[in-house]
Amino acid sequence: MRTFGFVLLLAGVAGFFYCSSRASEYEPLRAGLSVSESLETERGKWDAGRYACAAAAFAGIVLTIVPHR
């Protein structure tokens, strides 16, 4: 599990930076958009990918730290 957690952590961090760089190519989202409205834009899709990668990195940290049986 530790190895998988480490791989997940690295993939999450790399994906976060990749999505951040791609999202910066587009105009910022206007305030007051719902989640479904923001996902209709390219910027919103890259932002959602950034959050998903951050969640994957967090899961990787948890899998790396928590001892297995």
PDB file of N, CA and C in Angstrom:
ATOM      1  N   MET A   1       0.812  -1.186   0.000  1.00  0.00           N
ATOM      2  CA  MET A   1       0.000   0.000   0.000  1.00  0.00           C
ATOM      3  C   MET A   1       0.864   1.261   0.000  1.00  0.00           C
ATOM      4  N   ARG A   2       2.014   1.197   0.644  1.00  0.00           N
ATOM      5  CA  ARG A   2       2.875   2.375   0.676  1.00  0.00           C
ATOM      6  C   ARG A   2       3.359   2.745  -0.713  1.00  0.00           C
ATOM      7  N   THR A   3       3.716   1.764  -1.482  1.00  0.00           N
ATOM      8  CA  THR A   3       4.192   2.056  -2.834  1.00  0.00           C
ATOM      9  C   THR A   3       3.082   2.669  -3.674  1.00  0.00           C
ATOM     10  N   PHE A   4       1.896   2.111  -3.588  1.00  0.00           N
ATOM     11  CA  PHE A   4       0.758   2.667  -4.320  1.00  0.00           C
ATOM     12  C   PHE A   4       0.447   4.079  -3.839  1.00  0.00           C
ATOM     13  N   GLY A   5       0.528   4.305  -2.539  1.00  0.00           N
ATOM     14  CA  GLY A   5       0.299   5.639  -1.994  1.00  0.00           C
ATOM     15  C   GLY A   5       1.316   6.639  -2.496  1.00  0.00           C
ATOM     16  N   PHE A   6       2.571   6.230  -2.580  1.00  0.00           N
ATOM     17  CA  PHE A   6       3.615   7.119  -3.078  1.00  0.00           C
ATOM     18  C   PHE A   6       3.397   7.452  -4.554  1.00  0.00           C
ATOM     19  N   VAL A   7       3.021   6.456  -5.337  1.00  0.00           N
ATOM     20  CA  VAL A   7       2.740   6.686  -6.760  1.00  0.00           C
ATOM     21  C   VAL A   7       1.537   7.609  -6.924  1.00  0.00           C
ATOM     22  N   LEU A   8       0.505   7.385  -6.131  1.00  0.00           N
ATOM     23  CA  LEU A   8      -0.684   8.231  -6.168  1.00  0.00           C
ATOM     24  C   LEU A   8      -0.353   9.662  -5.754  1.00  0.00           C
ATOM     25  N   LEU A   9       0.503   9.818  -4.777  1.00  0.00           N
ATOM     26  CA  LEU A   9       0.941  11.138  -4.341  1.00  0.00           C
ATOM     27  C   LEU A   9       1.683  11.861  -5.457  1.00  0.00           C
ATOM     28  N   LEU A  10       2.615  11.190  -6.091  1.00  0.00           N
ATOM     29  CA  LEU A  10       3.375  11.812  -7.184  1.00  0.00           C
ATOM     30  C   LEU A  10       2.484  12.151  -8.374  1.00  0.00           C
ATOM     31  N   ALA A  11       1.579  11.248  -8.713  1.00  0.00           N
ATOM     32  CA  ALA A  11       0.666  11.517  -9.829  1.00  0.00           C
ATOM     33  C   ALA A  11      -0.265  12.675  -9.502  1.00  0.00           C
ATOM     34  N   GLY A  12      -0.728  12.746  -8.271  1.00  0.00           N
ATOM     35  CA  GLY A  12      -1.602  13.832  -7.868  1.00  0.00           C
ATOM     36  C   GLY A  12      -0.910  15.183  -7.911  1.00  0.00           C
ATOM     37  N   VAL A  13       0.320  15.240  -7.429  1.00  0.00           N
ATOM     38  CA  VAL A  13       1.068  16.501  -7.442  1.00  0.00           C
ATOM     39  C   VAL A  13       1.383  16.921  -8.875  1.00  0.00           C
ATOM     40  N   ALA A  14       1.838  15.986  -9.691  1.00  0.00           N
ATOM     41  CA  ALA A  14       2.145  16.311 -11.087  1.00  0.00           C
ATOM     42  C   ALA A  14       0.879  16.749 -11.830  1.00  0.00           C
ATOM     43  N   GLY A  15      -0.214  16.052 -11.613  1.00  0.00           N
ATOM     44  CA  GLY A  15      -1.469  16.411 -12.254  1.00  0.00           C
ATOM     45  C   GLY A  15      -1.984  17.761 -11.798  1.00  0.00           C
ATOM     46  N   PHE A  16      -1.784  18.084 -10.516  1.00  0.00           N
ATOM     47  CA  PHE A  16      -2.209  19.377  -9.993  1.00  0.00           C
ATOM     48  C   PHE A  16      -1.484  20.508 -10.709  1.00  0.00           C
ATOM     49  N   PHE A  17      -0.173  20.383 -10.839  1.00  0.00           N
ATOM     50  CA  PHE A  17       0.590  21.439 -11.508  1.00  0.00           C
ATOM     51  C   PHE A  17       0.262  21.511 -12.997  1.00  0.00           C
ATOM     52  N   TYR A  18       0.024  20.363 -13.624  1.00  0.00           N
ATOM     53  CA  TYR A  18      -0.342  20.361 -15.038  1.00  0.00           C
ATOM     54  C   TYR A  18      -1.689  21.049 -15.245  1.00  0.00           C
ATOM     55  N   CYS A  19      -2.669  20.690 -14.437  1.00  0.00           N
ATOM     56  CA  CYS A  19      -4.000  21.308 -14.558  1.00  0.00           C
ATOM     57  C   CYS A  19      -3.950  22.796 -14.239  1.00  0.00           C
ATOM     58  N   SER A  20      -3.126  23.181 -13.274  1.00  0.00           N
ATOM     59  CA  SER A  20      -2.992  24.599 -12.944  1.00  0.00           C
ATOM     60  C   SER A  20      -2.414  25.380 -14.111  1.00  0.00           C
ATOM     61  N   SER A  21      -1.418  24.824 -14.772  1.00  0.00           N
ATOM     62  CA  SER A  21      -0.809  25.536 -15.893  1.00  0.00           C
ATOM     63  C   SER A  21      -1.773  25.624 -17.081  1.00  0.00           C
ATOM     64  N   ARG A  22      -2.551  24.583 -17.305  1.00  0.00           N
ATOM     65  CA  ARG A  22      -3.532  24.623 -18.388  1.00  0.00           C
ATOM     66  C   ARG A  22      -4.676  25.565 -18.068  1.00  0.00           C
ATOM     67  N   ALA A  23      -5.105  25.627 -16.815  1.00  0.00           N
ATOM     68  CA  ALA A  23      -6.212  26.507 -16.419  1.00  0.00           C
ATOM     69  C   ALA A  23      -5.811  27.973 -16.538  1.00  0.00           C
ATOM     70  N   SER A  24      -4.537  28.272 -16.349  1.00  0.00           N
ATOM     71  CA  SER A  24      -4.095  29.666 -16.419  1.00  0.00           C
ATOM     72  C   SER A  24      -4.129  30.211 -17.845  1.00  0.00           C
ATOM     73  N   GLU A  25      -4.299  29.354 -18.832  1.00  0.00           N
ATOM     74  CA  GLU A  25      -4.391  29.799 -20.224  1.00  0.00           C
ATOM     75  C   GLU A  25      -5.746  30.435 -20.533  1.00  0.00           C
ATOM     76  N   TYR A  26      -6.733  30.239 -19.675  1.00  0.00           N
ATOM     77  CA  TYR A  26      -8.089  30.713 -19.917  1.00  0.00           C
ATOM     78  C   TYR A  26      -8.441  31.849 -18.965  1.00  0.00           C
ATOM     79  N   GLU A  27      -9.478  32.582 -19.325  1.00  0.00           N
ATOM     80  CA  GLU A  27      -9.965  33.684 -18.481  1.00  0.00           C
ATOM     81  C   GLU A  27     -10.489  33.125 -17.157  1.00  0.00           C
ATOM     82  N   PRO A  28     -10.307  33.860 -16.064  1.00  0.00           N
ATOM     83  CA  PRO A  28     -10.874  33.405 -14.782  1.00  0.00           C
ATOM     84  C   PRO A  28     -12.409  33.331 -14.854  1.00  0.00           C
ATOM     85  N   LEU A  29     -12.966  32.446 -14.073  1.00  0.00           N
ATOM     86  CA  LEU A  29     -14.417  32.294 -14.044  1.00  0.00           C
ATOM     87  C   LEU A  29     -15.052  33.473 -13.323  1.00  0.00           C
ATOM     88  N   ARG A  30     -16.213  33.855 -13.794  1.00  0.00           N
ATOM     89  CA  ARG A  30     -16.907  34.954 -13.119  1.00  0.00           C
ATOM     90  C   ARG A  30     -17.547  34.441 -11.842  1.00  0.00           C
ATOM     91  N   ALA A  31     -17.723  35.336 -10.909  1.00  0.00           N
ATOM     92  CA  ALA A  31     -18.280  34.964  -9.608  1.00  0.00           C
ATOM     93  C   ALA A  31     -19.753  34.596  -9.737  1.00  0.00           C
ATOM     94  N   GLY A  32     -20.190  33.693  -8.911  1.00  0.00           N
ATOM     95  CA  GLY A  32     -21.594  33.325  -8.865  1.00  0.00           C
ATOM     96  C   GLY A  32     -21.994  32.173  -9.760  1.00  0.00           C
ATOM     97  N   LEU A  33     -21.046  31.523 -10.417  1.00  0.00           N
ATOM     98  CA  LEU A  33     -21.387  30.372 -11.262  1.00  0.00           C
ATOM     99  C   LEU A  33     -21.630  29.146 -10.394  1.00  0.00           C
ATOM    100  N   SER A  34     -22.569  28.335 -10.803  1.00  0.00           N
ATOM    101  CA  SER A  34     -22.761  27.057 -10.121  1.00  0.00           C
ATOM    102  C   SER A  34     -21.708  26.079 -10.645  1.00  0.00           C
ATOM    103  N   VAL A  35     -21.603  24.952  -9.998  1.00  0.00           N
ATOM    104  CA  VAL A  35     -20.612  23.961 -10.409  1.00  0.00           C
ATOM    105  C   VAL A  35     -20.917  23.455 -11.816  1.00  0.00           C
ATOM    106  N   SER A  36     -22.175  23.180 -12.101  1.00  0.00           N
ATOM    107  CA  SER A  36     -22.527  22.669 -13.432  1.00  0.00           C
ATOM    108  C   SER A  36     -22.269  23.714 -14.514  1.00  0.00           C
ATOM    109  N   GLU A  37     -22.482  24.994 -14.197  1.00  0.00           N
ATOM    110  CA  GLU A  37     -22.198  26.045 -15.176  1.00  0.00           C
ATOM    111  C   GLU A  37     -20.699  26.210 -15.395  1.00  0.00           C
ATOM    112  N   SER A  38     -19.918  26.088 -14.337  1.00  0.00           N
ATOM    113  CA  SER A  38     -18.477  26.244 -14.501  1.00  0.00           C
ATOM    114  C   SER A  38     -17.867  25.076 -15.269  1.00  0.00           C
ATOM    115  N   LEU A  39     -18.456  23.885 -15.150  1.00  0.00           N
ATOM    116  CA  LEU A  39     -17.934  22.730 -15.882  1.00  0.00           C
ATOM    117  C   LEU A  39     -18.227  22.794 -17.376  1.00  0.00           C
ATOM    118  N   GLU A  40     -19.052  23.730 -17.778  1.00  0.00           N
ATOM    119  CA  GLU A  40     -19.313  23.913 -19.207  1.00  0.00           C
ATOM    120  C   GLU A  40     -18.211  24.728 -19.882  1.00  0.00           C
ATOM    121  N   THR A  41     -17.344  25.341 -19.094  1.00  0.00           N
ATOM    122  CA  THR A  41     -16.237  26.123 -19.647  1.00  0.00           C
ATOM    123  C   THR A  41     -14.946  25.312 -19.557  1.00  0.00           C
ATOM    124  N   GLU A  42     -13.985  25.666 -20.397  1.00  0.00           N
ATOM    125  CA  GLU A  42     -12.694  24.970 -20.363  1.00  0.00           C
ATOM    126  C   GLU A  42     -11.969  25.238 -19.050  1.00  0.00           C
ATOM    127  N   ARG A  43     -12.022  26.472 -18.586  1.00  0.00           N
ATOM    128  CA  ARG A  43     -11.364  26.811 -17.315  1.00  0.00           C
ATOM    129  C   ARG A  43     -11.953  25.999 -16.175  1.00  0.00           C
ATOM    130  N   GLY A  44     -13.257  25.849 -16.155  1.00  0.00           N
ATOM    131  CA  GLY A  44     -13.908  25.084 -15.099  1.00  0.00           C
ATOM    132  C   GLY A  44     -13.517  23.617 -15.111  1.00  0.00           C
ATOM    133  N   LYS A  45     -13.346  23.067 -16.303  1.00  0.00           N
ATOM    134  CA  LYS A  45     -12.929  21.658 -16.401  1.00  0.00           C
ATOM    135  C   LYS A  45     -11.526  21.470 -15.848  1.00  0.00           C
ATOM    136  N   TRP A  46     -10.617  22.392 -16.163  1.00  0.00           N
ATOM    137  CA  TRP A  46      -9.246  22.284 -15.650  1.00  0.00           C
ATOM    138  C   TRP A  46      -9.196  22.533 -14.151  1.00  0.00           C
ATOM    139  N   ASP A  47     -10.055  23.418 -13.657  1.00  0.00           N
ATOM    140  CA  ASP A  47     -10.117  23.637 -12.212  1.00  0.00           C
ATOM    141  C   ASP A  47     -10.627  22.391 -11.499  1.00  0.00           C
ATOM    142  N   ALA A  48     -11.622  21.739 -12.061  1.00  0.00           N
ATOM    143  CA  ALA A  48     -12.136  20.505 -11.466  1.00  0.00           C
ATOM    144  C   ALA A  48     -11.061  19.415 -11.478  1.00  0.00           C
ATOM    145  N   GLY A  49     -10.299  19.343 -12.555  1.00  0.00           N
ATOM    146  CA  GLY A  49      -9.186  18.398 -12.618  1.00  0.00           C
ATOM    147  C   GLY A  49      -8.133  18.686 -11.573  1.00  0.00           C
ATOM    148  N   ARG A  50      -7.892  19.973 -11.321  1.00  0.00           N
ATOM    149  CA  ARG A  50      -6.924  20.368 -10.296  1.00  0.00           C
ATOM    150  C   ARG A  50      -7.385  19.900  -8.917  1.00  0.00           C
ATOM    151  N   TYR A  51      -8.679  20.084  -8.617  1.00  0.00           N
ATOM    152  CA  TYR A  51      -9.200  19.627  -7.325  1.00  0.00           C
ATOM    153  C   TYR A  51      -9.161  18.096  -7.212  1.00  0.00           C
ATOM    154  N   ALA A  52      -9.436  17.409  -8.296  1.00  0.00           N
ATOM    155  CA  ALA A  52      -9.385  15.941  -8.278  1.00  0.00           C
ATOM    156  C   ALA A  52      -7.955  15.453  -8.036  1.00  0.00           C
ATOM    157  N   CYS A  53      -6.992  16.115  -8.646  1.00  0.00           N
ATOM    158  CA  CYS A  53      -5.594  15.739  -8.434  1.00  0.00           C
ATOM    159  C   CYS A  53      -5.144  16.038  -7.015  1.00  0.00           C
ATOM    160  N   ALA A  54      -5.631  17.131  -6.452  1.00  0.00           N
ATOM    161  CA  ALA A  54      -5.310  17.436  -5.056  1.00  0.00           C
ATOM    162  C   ALA A  54      -5.887  16.363  -4.135  1.00  0.00           C
ATOM    163  N   ALA A  55      -7.089  15.892  -4.429  1.00  0.00           N
ATOM    164  CA  ALA A  55      -7.698  14.819  -3.631  1.00  0.00           C
ATOM    165  C   ALA A  55      -6.901  13.526  -3.767  1.00  0.00           C
ATOM    166  N   ALA A  56      -6.418  13.233  -4.986  1.00  0.00           N
ATOM    167  CA  ALA A  56      -5.611  12.035  -5.193  1.00  0.00           C
ATOM    168  C   ALA A  56      -4.296  12.130  -4.424  1.00  0.00           C
ATOM    169  N   ALA A  57      -3.687  13.304  -4.419  1.00  0.00           N
ATOM    170  CA  ALA A  57      -2.443  13.490  -3.663  1.00  0.00           C
ATOM    171  C   ALA A  57      -2.693  13.308  -2.170  1.00  0.00           C
ATOM    172  N   PHE A  58      -3.809  13.827  -1.676  1.00  0.00           N
ATOM    173  CA  PHE A  58      -4.144  13.644  -0.266  1.00  0.00           C
ATOM    174  C   PHE A  58      -4.347  12.162   0.062  1.00  0.00           C
ATOM    175  N   ALA A  59      -5.040  11.441  -0.821  1.00  0.00           N
ATOM    176  CA  ALA A  59      -5.232  10.004  -0.607  1.00  0.00           C
ATOM    177  C   ALA A  59      -3.885   9.282  -0.622  1.00  0.00           C
ATOM    178  N   GLY A  60      -2.971   9.733  -1.475  1.00  0.00           N
ATOM    179  CA  GLY A  60      -1.631   9.150  -1.498  1.00  0.00           C
ATOM    180  C   GLY A  60      -0.875   9.375  -0.209  1.00  0.00           C
ATOM    181  N   ILE A  61      -1.040  10.578   0.368  1.00  0.00           N
ATOM    182  CA  ILE A  61      -0.401  10.863   1.663  1.00  0.00           C
ATOM    183  C   ILE A  61      -0.955   9.940   2.738  1.00  0.00           C
ATOM    184  N   VAL A  62      -2.263   9.773   2.748  1.00  0.00           N
ATOM    185  CA  VAL A  62      -2.891   8.912   3.753  1.00  0.00           C
ATOM    186  C   VAL A  62      -2.418   7.473   3.598  1.00  0.00           C
ATOM    187  N   LEU A  63      -2.372   6.970   2.372  1.00  0.00           N
ATOM    188  CA  LEU A  63      -1.943   5.588   2.142  1.00  0.00           C
ATOM    189  C   LEU A  63      -0.475   5.393   2.479  1.00  0.00           C
ATOM    190  N   THR A  64       0.326   6.434   2.326  1.00  0.00           N
ATOM    191  CA  THR A  64       1.737   6.325   2.635  1.00  0.00           C
ATOM    192  C   THR A  64       1.986   6.334   4.141  1.00  0.00           C
ATOM    193  N   ILE A  65       1.227   7.131   4.867  1.00  0.00           N
ATOM    194  CA  ILE A  65       1.451   7.291   6.301  1.00  0.00           C
ATOM    195  C   ILE A  65       0.829   6.170   7.120  1.00  0.00           C
ATOM    196  N   VAL A  66      -0.390   5.769   6.772  1.00  0.00           N
ATOM    197  CA  VAL A  66      -1.122   4.784   7.582  1.00  0.00           C
ATOM    198  C   VAL A  66      -0.444   3.412   7.449  1.00  0.00           C
ATOM    199  N   PRO A  67      -0.120   2.808   8.569  1.00  0.00           N
ATOM    200  CA  PRO A  67       0.514   1.490   8.491  1.00  0.00           C
ATOM    201  C   PRO A  67      -0.449   0.414   8.029  1.00  0.00           C
ATOM    202  N   HIS A  68       0.067  -0.544   7.335  1.00  0.00           N
ATOM    203  CA  HIS A  68      -0.777  -1.661   6.874  1.00  0.00           C
ATOM    204  C   HIS A  68      -0.506  -2.881   7.748  1.00  0.00           C
ATOM    205  N   ARG A  69      -1.342  -3.860   7.621  1.00  0.00           N
ATOM    206  CA  ARG A  69      -1.206  -5.057   8.458  1.00  0.00           C
ATOM    207  C   ARG A  69      -0.254  -6.041   7.866  1.00  0.00           C
TER     208      ARG A  69
END
